[in-house]
Amino acid sequence: MSINNRREFELLKKIGFIRTSGSDEELKAANILLEEISSIGCEGYIEDFKVPTSKIKKASLKVVEPYEKEYEITPYNCSISTPEGGITTDFVYIEDGLDANLVDLKGKFVLINMSPNPKLYKKLIEAGIAGYITMCGTAKDEENKTDITVARMREKNTQYGKVPALNMRMKDCFHMVQNKTSKVEVELITEDIELTSHNVVVTLEGSKYPDEIISFGAHYDSVPFSTGVYDNGAGSVIIMELLRHFKENPPIRTVKFVWYGSEEVGLLGSKAYLKAHEEELKKHLLMINVDVAGSILGKEMALVTAEQSMVDYIDHVAKIRGLPLKVEQSIYSSDSTAFADAGIPSVTFCRFAPNGGAFIHTRNDVMDYLSAEALEKTAVITRDFSESIINSVVFPIERKIPENMQKELDKYFGKESKKEDSGENKK
């Protein structure tokens, strides 16, 4: 079956609205996917799971020394509140948080260049900070054309404790540092709540090896302010086209298709799926993920979290078929990484736009920068690889995560810090 790029593009338009984790709009998108699945002649269903988040009641940041000015902020979900009425405290810019930046921070609010990884977060908690600020955008963004990213504190950090955490425009952070801000007044009042998110699941049973499972995945949620068509409505419509292909060309191994909710807040959909299907996981041989595609300007990539032999295999298949594809052994911040952490070899196919050629996590992630023809490129590459693997006489991929990739996974999920705490890395 040839890939129908117009059909992909039309479905992408249908789900091209803001659909954040646990929202009514996310459920609306899930139901649109279910309708499309039914039109193919397959039976899909929804699996619900809970998503911790926050209801923000008050949020403000004001510089009080050496000048007075209030700045727009967005609190981190799942951080904690200040006391009612807020706190007034010293402000320090700690750049990238090197050890020399971490001296004498007790009770102070700190500004960091980027969201802290678990190792730095643990150091900040031990230093006794009052809270932290991260920045987004650029130093010359215009307020009426940009939004402040809504971030969520991840469990890999909060295992060490919680503090109030805020996000700001880089432009405003630049202004604060340039004008030598020394004291701030911060008030953040939040309430912990739970929302319901959704995974959409379809199974095509294999004709010869039904107990051997290969799964396709793509997340369909978006971040606030973004229609998320590039990230990752595109991946969602590509695996829908692949479902159609394997429905018309029955596979010899069982193939699952899962559209994950709440990927953008910490891979929560794939983590929920793995937890709910723990007994089934030993049958999973490979996870094939598609995340970001369709950009008119771009390059095709495959990021492989498996043995080097799988990297070589994908590279060889691409070259034999004349497909322009760069293949690397790596981890990718998407649902494939959750599967790899569960011991299942994984690969993410994607089309990366050059800087400024398409946009993620902003209001600029819109259809204007995508095309049906570009969607087809990633779909064809993913189809050609997956068909050769799924219908192979002998399955050629070892069900193993190599040591170098496991180290990267441990770092990504914050396990590296846990091992250091327990002394596992000491000789």
Protein backbone atom coordinates (compact mmCIF):
# COMPACT_ATOMS: atom_id res chain seq x y z
CA MET A 1 0.00 0.00 0.00
CA SER A 2 1.33 3.44 -0.89
CA ILE A 3 1.30 6.15 1.74
CA ASN A 4 -1.55 8.62 1.19
CA ASN A 5 0.02 11.88 2.24
CA ARG A 6 -3.13 13.94 1.64
CA ARG A 7 -5.09 11.70 4.00
CA GLU A 8 -2.37 12.14 6.63
CA PHE A 9 -2.41 15.89 6.18
CA GLU A 10 -6.21 16.14 6.48
CA LEU A 11 -6.20 14.11 9.70
CA LEU A 12 -3.44 16.38 11.03
CA LYS A 13 -5.70 19.38 10.44
CA LYS A 14 -8.49 17.66 12.40
CA ILE A 15 -6.35 17.25 15.52
CA GLY A 16 -4.51 20.56 15.08
CA PHE A 17 -5.80 22.29 18.21
CA ILE A 18 -4.32 22.79 21.69
CA ARG A 19 -4.70 19.46 23.56
CA THR A 20 -2.79 19.57 26.83
CA SER A 21 -2.33 16.76 29.31
CA GLY A 22 -5.59 15.71 30.94
CA SER A 23 -7.70 18.37 29.22
CA ASP A 24 -11.09 18.00 27.55
CA GLU A 25 -9.33 18.83 24.29
CA GLU A 26 -6.91 15.93 24.73
CA LEU A 27 -9.90 13.60 25.12
CA LYS A 28 -11.51 15.20 22.04
CA ALA A 29 -8.37 14.40 20.03
CA ALA A 30 -8.38 10.83 21.38
CA ASN A 31 -11.94 10.38 20.13
CA ILE A 32 -11.02 11.76 16.69
CA LEU A 33 -8.26 9.14 16.54
CA LEU A 34 -10.75 6.44 17.59
CA GLU A 35 -13.12 7.47 14.79
CA GLU A 36 -10.30 7.22 12.26
CA ILE A 37 -9.32 3.78 13.61
CA SER A 38 -12.92 2.60 13.24
CA SER A 39 -13.03 3.87 9.65
CA ILE A 40 -10.04 1.63 8.88
CA GLY A 41 -12.01 -1.37 10.17
CA CYS A 42 -10.09 -1.78 13.42
CA GLU A 43 -11.26 -1.74 17.02
CA GLY A 44 -9.52 0.80 19.19
CA TYR A 45 -10.06 1.63 22.83
CA ILE A 46 -9.01 4.19 25.41
CA GLU A 47 -7.01 3.49 28.55
CA ASP A 48 -7.32 6.18 31.24
CA PHE A 49 -4.61 7.13 33.72
CA LYS A 50 -4.18 9.84 36.34
CA VAL A 51 -1.88 12.83 35.92
CA PRO A 52 -0.71 14.87 38.94
CA THR A 53 -0.70 18.62 38.30
CA SER A 54 -1.42 21.93 40.03
CA LYS A 55 -4.14 24.54 40.17
CA ILE A 56 -2.46 27.94 40.38
CA LYS A 57 -4.29 30.35 42.71
CA LYS A 58 -1.72 33.16 42.99
CA ALA A 59 1.60 33.77 41.26
CA SER A 60 3.69 36.93 41.32
CA LEU A 61 7.31 38.06 41.27
CA LYS A 62 8.39 41.61 42.03
CA VAL A 63 11.88 43.07 42.19
CA VAL A 64 12.12 45.25 45.32
CA GLU A 65 15.83 46.17 45.31
CA PRO A 66 17.55 48.15 43.80
CA TYR A 67 14.39 49.09 41.82
CA GLU A 68 10.73 48.08 41.87
CA LYS A 69 9.13 46.20 39.00
CA GLU A 70 6.73 43.26 38.68
CA TYR A 71 7.42 40.69 35.97
CA GLU A 72 5.15 38.16 34.29
CA ILE A 73 5.83 34.57 35.40
CA THR A 74 4.50 31.06 34.94
CA PRO A 75 4.82 28.71 37.94
CA TYR A 76 6.03 25.15 37.55
CA ASN A 77 3.27 22.60 38.03
CA CYS A 78 3.88 20.27 40.96
CA SER A 79 6.19 22.68 42.79
CA ILE A 80 5.08 24.01 46.19
CA SER A 81 3.61 27.21 47.56
CA THR A 82 5.23 30.04 49.42
CA PRO A 83 3.52 31.16 52.63
CA GLU A 84 0.40 33.32 52.13
CA GLY A 85 1.54 36.85 51.44
CA GLY A 86 4.75 35.59 49.81
CA ILE A 87 8.39 35.87 50.78
CA THR A 88 10.98 38.60 50.35
CA THR A 89 14.46 37.25 49.82
CA ASP A 90 17.84 37.82 48.21
CA PHE A 91 18.15 37.09 44.49
CA VAL A 92 21.22 35.47 42.91
CA TYR A 93 21.97 34.57 39.27
CA ILE A 94 23.85 31.24 39.36
CA GLU A 95 24.30 30.78 35.60
CA ASP A 96 24.76 27.04 34.87
CA GLY A 97 25.00 26.11 38.56
CA LEU A 98 28.66 25.14 38.74
CA ASP A 99 30.02 24.52 42.23
CA ALA A 100 31.53 28.00 42.39
CA ASN A 101 28.02 29.41 41.81
CA LEU A 102 26.50 27.41 44.67
CA VAL A 103 28.20 29.10 47.63
CA ASP A 104 26.04 30.80 50.30
CA LEU A 105 22.60 30.26 48.75
CA LYS A 106 20.59 29.43 51.87
CA GLY A 107 17.23 31.19 51.85
CA LYS A 108 17.82 32.85 48.47
CA PHE A 109 15.86 32.77 45.21
CA VAL A 110 18.14 31.77 42.34
CA LEU A 111 18.01 32.23 38.58
CA ILE A 112 19.41 29.38 36.43
CA ASN A 113 20.10 29.31 32.70
CA MET A 114 18.12 26.10 32.25
CA SER A 115 15.93 23.68 34.15
CA PRO A 116 18.16 21.78 36.60
CA ASN A 117 19.00 18.11 36.07
CA PRO A 118 18.66 15.81 39.10
CA LYS A 119 22.31 16.21 40.12
CA LEU A 120 22.12 20.02 40.18
CA TYR A 121 18.62 20.00 41.68
CA LYS A 122 19.85 17.88 44.58
CA LYS A 123 22.72 20.34 45.18
CA LEU A 124 20.29 23.27 45.17
CA ILE A 125 18.03 21.57 47.72
CA GLU A 126 21.05 20.77 49.92
CA ALA A 127 22.16 24.42 49.61
CA GLY A 128 18.81 25.46 51.09
CA ILE A 129 17.53 27.71 48.30
CA ALA A 130 14.17 29.41 48.80
CA GLY A 131 13.21 28.66 45.18
CA TYR A 132 14.42 28.97 41.62
CA ILE A 133 13.63 30.66 38.31
CA THR A 134 14.34 29.31 34.83
CA MET A 135 14.09 31.16 31.54
CA CYS A 136 12.58 30.55 28.12
CA GLY A 137 12.61 32.26 24.73
CA THR A 138 15.26 34.77 23.72
CA ALA A 139 16.62 38.06 25.04
CA LYS A 140 14.74 39.99 22.34
CA ASP A 141 11.31 38.33 22.35
CA GLU A 142 8.24 40.55 22.05
CA GLU A 143 5.64 39.96 24.77
CA ASN A 144 2.67 40.06 22.40
CA LYS A 145 4.23 37.43 20.12
CA THR A 146 5.52 34.91 22.68
CA ASP A 147 4.32 32.87 25.64
CA ILE A 148 6.06 31.73 28.81
CA THR A 149 6.51 27.96 28.81
CA VAL A 150 4.35 26.08 31.31
CA ALA A 151 6.74 23.53 32.82
CA ARG A 152 6.22 20.70 35.29
CA MET A 153 8.61 19.59 38.02
CA ARG A 154 9.58 16.00 37.31
CA GLU A 155 9.69 13.18 39.83
CA LYS A 156 13.38 12.57 39.09
CA ASN A 157 13.99 15.95 40.79
CA THR A 158 11.27 16.13 43.42
CA GLN A 159 12.52 12.91 45.02
CA TYR A 160 15.00 15.27 46.74
CA GLY A 161 12.33 17.71 47.94
CA LYS A 162 10.29 20.60 46.56
CA VAL A 163 10.68 24.36 46.42
CA PRO A 164 8.69 27.09 44.65
CA ALA A 165 9.76 27.20 40.99
CA LEU A 166 8.98 29.75 38.28
CA ASN A 167 9.59 30.26 34.57
CA MET A 168 10.13 33.70 32.97
CA ARG A 169 10.92 35.22 29.62
CA MET A 170 14.65 35.38 28.98
CA LYS A 171 14.12 39.01 28.04
CA ASP A 172 12.94 39.79 31.58
CA CYS A 173 15.69 37.71 33.19
CA PHE A 174 18.21 39.64 31.10
CA HIS A 175 16.71 42.91 32.38
CA MET A 176 16.88 41.73 36.01
CA VAL A 177 20.54 40.71 35.78
CA GLN A 178 21.53 43.75 33.73
CA ASN A 179 19.99 46.01 36.38
CA LYS A 180 21.63 44.14 39.27
CA THR A 181 18.52 42.78 40.97
CA SER A 182 19.40 41.92 44.58
CA LYS A 183 16.06 41.27 46.30
CA VAL A 184 12.72 39.87 45.12
CA GLU A 185 9.26 39.36 46.53
CA VAL A 186 7.66 36.08 45.42
CA GLU A 187 4.19 34.70 46.10
CA LEU A 188 3.06 31.34 44.75
CA ILE A 189 -0.08 29.62 46.02
CA THR A 190 -0.93 26.30 44.37
CA GLU A 191 -3.20 23.32 44.96
CA ASP A 192 -2.21 19.77 44.01
CA ILE A 193 -4.85 18.12 41.81
CA GLU A 194 -5.19 15.11 39.49
CA LEU A 195 -6.50 15.06 35.94
CA THR A 196 -7.40 12.09 33.74
CA SER A 197 -5.36 11.52 30.60
CA HIS A 198 -5.80 8.92 27.88
CA ASN A 199 -3.89 6.44 25.72
CA VAL A 200 -5.51 5.14 22.53
CA VAL A 201 -4.69 1.49 21.74
CA VAL A 202 -5.16 -0.88 18.77
CA THR A 203 -3.87 -4.44 18.34
CA LEU A 204 -3.38 -6.39 15.10
CA GLU A 205 -2.68 -10.02 15.97
CA GLY A 206 0.14 -11.72 14.14
CA SER A 207 -0.75 -14.56 11.79
CA LYS A 208 2.30 -16.69 12.61
CA TYR A 209 3.91 -15.38 15.82
CA PRO A 210 1.07 -13.82 17.84
CA ASP A 211 3.12 -13.86 21.07
CA GLU A 212 5.86 -11.68 19.58
CA ILE A 213 4.92 -7.99 19.77
CA ILE A 214 6.24 -4.93 17.98
CA SER A 215 4.59 -1.66 19.00
CA PHE A 216 4.25 1.68 17.27
CA GLY A 217 3.94 4.80 19.39
CA ALA A 218 3.36 8.53 18.96
CA HIS A 219 2.20 11.08 21.50
CA TYR A 220 -0.79 13.18 20.53
CA ASP A 221 -0.88 15.73 23.36
CA SER A 222 0.49 19.25 23.00
CA VAL A 223 1.87 21.92 25.32
CA PRO A 224 -0.14 25.00 26.30
CA PHE A 225 -0.36 27.71 23.58
CA SER A 226 0.58 25.19 20.85
CA THR A 227 -1.53 23.31 18.30
CA GLY A 228 1.28 20.76 18.30
CA VAL A 229 0.99 19.71 14.67
CA TYR A 230 4.75 19.28 14.21
CA ASP A 231 5.17 18.04 17.78
CA ASN A 232 3.52 15.62 17.56
CA GLY A 233 0.31 15.49 15.60
CA ALA A 234 2.56 14.55 12.68
CA GLY A 235 3.79 11.37 14.34
CA SER A 236 0.22 10.52 15.31
CA VAL A 237 -1.07 10.66 11.73
CA ILE A 238 1.95 8.75 10.41
CA ILE A 239 1.32 5.75 12.65
CA MET A 240 -2.37 5.94 11.71
CA GLU A 241 -1.32 5.51 8.07
CA LEU A 242 0.88 2.57 9.14
CA LEU A 243 -2.09 1.01 10.94
CA ARG A 244 -3.97 1.20 7.65
CA HIS A 245 -1.01 -0.42 5.88
CA PHE A 246 -0.77 -3.38 8.26
CA LYS A 247 -4.55 -3.82 8.33
CA GLU A 248 -4.40 -4.28 4.54
CA ASN A 249 -1.19 -6.34 4.74
CA PRO A 250 -1.60 -8.60 7.80
CA PRO A 251 1.66 -8.97 9.76
CA ILE A 252 3.11 -12.31 10.86
CA ARG A 253 3.93 -10.84 14.30
CA THR A 254 1.48 -8.99 16.54
CA VAL A 255 1.60 -5.23 16.05
CA LYS A 256 0.29 -2.74 18.58
CA PHE A 257 -0.40 0.93 17.90
CA VAL A 258 -0.55 3.31 20.84
CA TRP A 259 -1.22 7.04 20.78
CA TYR A 260 0.11 8.36 24.09
CA GLY A 261 -1.33 11.20 26.12
CA SER A 262 0.67 13.38 28.52
CA GLU A 263 4.07 12.82 26.91
CA GLU A 264 4.83 16.52 27.21
CA VAL A 265 4.68 16.44 31.01
CA GLY A 266 7.17 13.61 31.52
CA LEU A 267 6.33 10.64 29.26
CA LEU A 268 3.40 9.88 31.56
CA GLY A 269 1.32 8.08 28.92
CA SER A 270 3.98 5.55 28.01
CA LYS A 271 4.90 5.08 31.68
CA ALA A 272 1.24 4.40 32.47
CA TYR A 273 1.02 1.91 29.59
CA LEU A 274 4.13 0.06 30.73
CA LYS A 275 2.80 -0.16 34.28
CA ALA A 276 -0.64 -1.36 33.18
CA HIS A 277 0.80 -3.99 30.79
CA GLU A 278 3.66 -5.27 32.91
CA GLU A 279 2.88 -8.94 32.28
CA GLU A 280 2.75 -8.39 28.53
CA LEU A 281 6.12 -6.64 28.29
CA LYS A 282 8.21 -9.80 28.06
CA LYS A 283 6.55 -10.38 24.66
CA HIS A 284 7.58 -6.95 23.35
CA LEU A 285 10.54 -7.21 20.98
CA LEU A 286 10.75 -3.62 19.73
CA MET A 287 9.13 -0.19 20.11
CA ILE A 288 8.97 2.06 17.02
CA ASN A 289 8.22 5.69 17.85
CA VAL A 290 7.53 8.68 15.58
CA ASP A 291 7.95 12.15 17.10
CA VAL A 292 8.13 15.39 15.05
CA ALA A 293 7.68 15.15 11.30
CA GLY A 294 6.25 16.96 8.32
CA SER A 295 8.49 20.04 8.28
CA ILE A 296 9.02 21.38 4.76
CA LEU A 297 12.65 22.11 5.64
CA GLY A 298 14.32 19.28 7.48
CA LYS A 299 16.31 16.07 7.64
CA GLU A 300 15.26 12.50 8.38
CA MET A 301 16.77 10.81 11.43
CA ALA A 302 16.50 7.55 13.33
CA LEU A 303 17.61 7.58 16.97
CA VAL A 304 18.22 4.03 18.14
CA THR A 305 18.29 2.92 21.77
CA ALA A 306 19.51 -0.62 21.18
CA GLU A 307 22.60 -2.55 20.13
CA GLN A 308 24.88 -1.05 17.48
CA SER A 309 23.84 -3.86 15.12
CA MET A 310 20.35 -2.31 14.91
CA VAL A 311 21.88 1.06 14.03
CA ASP A 312 23.82 -0.61 11.23
CA TYR A 313 20.76 -2.54 10.04
CA ILE A 314 18.58 0.58 9.72
CA ASP A 315 21.41 2.43 7.99
CA HIS A 316 21.84 -0.43 5.51
CA VAL A 317 18.09 -0.66 4.77
CA ALA A 318 17.97 3.10 4.12
CA LYS A 319 20.96 2.98 1.77
CA ILE A 320 19.70 -0.06 -0.13
CA ARG A 321 16.36 1.67 -0.74
CA GLY A 322 17.89 5.08 -1.45
CA LEU A 323 16.27 6.75 1.56
CA PRO A 324 18.10 9.80 2.99
CA LEU A 325 18.32 8.92 6.68
CA LYS A 326 20.88 9.71 9.36
CA VAL A 327 21.01 6.94 11.98
CA GLU A 328 22.51 7.32 15.45
CA GLN A 329 22.69 5.25 18.61
CA SER A 330 21.13 7.60 21.13
CA ILE A 331 18.22 8.26 23.45
CA TYR A 332 15.47 10.70 22.55
CA SER A 333 13.20 12.54 24.96
CA SER A 334 10.03 10.75 23.92
CA ASP A 335 8.00 7.63 24.71
CA SER A 336 10.59 5.35 23.11
CA THR A 337 12.89 6.16 26.03
CA ALA A 338 10.38 4.87 28.58
CA PHE A 339 10.25 1.56 26.68
CA ALA A 340 14.03 1.36 26.45
CA ASP A 341 14.24 1.91 30.20
CA ALA A 342 11.96 -1.13 30.56
CA GLY A 343 14.51 -3.18 28.60
CA ILE A 344 12.78 -3.04 25.21
CA PRO A 345 14.90 -1.97 22.19
CA SER A 346 13.49 1.23 20.73
CA VAL A 347 13.87 3.58 17.81
CA THR A 348 12.41 7.02 17.13
CA PHE A 349 11.97 8.17 13.55
CA CYS A 350 11.74 11.93 13.14
CA ARG A 351 12.23 14.81 10.76
CA PHE A 352 14.22 17.60 12.39
CA ALA A 353 13.81 21.08 10.94
CA PRO A 354 16.82 23.40 10.84
CA ASN A 355 16.77 26.10 13.52
CA GLY A 356 13.86 28.40 12.66
CA GLY A 357 12.44 26.07 9.97
CA ALA A 358 9.65 24.75 12.21
CA PHE A 359 8.77 25.26 15.85
CA ILE A 360 7.95 23.18 18.91
CA HIS A 361 6.47 24.15 22.29
CA THR A 362 5.30 27.56 21.07
CA ARG A 363 2.31 29.20 19.44
CA ASN A 364 4.26 28.94 16.16
CA ASP A 365 3.85 25.17 15.89
CA VAL A 366 1.26 25.47 13.12
CA MET A 367 0.43 23.90 9.76
CA ASP A 368 2.11 26.70 7.76
CA TYR A 369 5.57 25.12 8.09
CA LEU A 370 4.48 21.55 7.23
CA SER A 371 3.49 19.73 4.06
CA ALA A 372 1.88 16.47 3.04
CA GLU A 373 4.93 15.60 0.96
CA ALA A 374 7.27 15.99 3.94
CA LEU A 375 4.98 13.84 6.11
CA GLU A 376 5.22 11.11 3.48
CA LYS A 377 9.02 11.02 3.68
CA THR A 378 9.04 9.97 7.34
CA ALA A 379 6.08 7.65 6.84
CA VAL A 380 7.81 5.77 3.99
CA ILE A 381 11.06 5.36 5.93
CA THR A 382 9.19 4.09 9.00
CA ARG A 383 7.02 1.73 6.93
CA ASP A 384 9.92 0.22 4.98
CA PHE A 385 11.97 -0.46 8.11
CA SER A 386 9.08 -1.77 10.19
CA GLU A 387 7.72 -4.07 7.49
CA SER A 388 11.11 -5.74 7.02
CA ILE A 389 11.44 -6.28 10.78
CA ILE A 390 7.87 -7.31 11.61
CA ASN A 391 7.75 -9.90 8.84
CA SER A 392 11.32 -11.18 9.17
CA VAL A 393 11.74 -14.98 9.10
CA VAL A 394 14.02 -14.80 12.14
CA PHE A 395 13.72 -11.68 14.31
CA PRO A 396 17.12 -9.97 13.92
CA ILE A 397 17.18 -7.57 16.89
CA GLU A 398 18.54 -8.70 20.23
CA ARG A 399 16.21 -7.84 23.11
CA LYS A 400 18.86 -6.01 25.06
CA ILE A 401 19.84 -2.47 26.01
CA PRO A 402 23.64 -2.06 25.78
CA GLU A 403 25.59 -0.71 28.72
CA ASN A 404 26.40 2.65 27.12
CA MET A 405 22.72 3.30 26.40
CA GLN A 406 21.68 2.16 29.89
CA LYS A 407 24.03 4.77 31.35
CA GLU A 408 22.34 7.44 29.23
CA LEU A 409 18.91 6.21 30.35
CA ASP A 410 19.98 6.29 34.00
CA LYS A 411 21.15 9.87 33.54
CA TYR A 412 17.93 10.86 31.77
CA PHE A 413 15.65 9.38 34.44
CA GLY A 414 17.77 10.57 37.36
CA LYS A 415 18.84 7.08 38.40
CA GLU A 416 22.48 8.10 38.19
CA SER A 417 22.02 10.34 41.24
CA LYS A 418 20.21 7.57 43.12
CA LYS A 419 23.06 5.15 42.46
CA GLU A 420 25.56 7.72 43.70
CA ASP A 421 23.48 8.23 46.85
CA SER A 422 23.42 4.48 47.51
CA GLY A 423 27.11 4.05 46.77
CA GLU A 424 26.53 1.72 43.80
CA ASN A 425 29.03 3.63 41.66
CA LYS A 426 31.79 3.41 44.27
CA LYS A 427 34.47 0.77 43.82
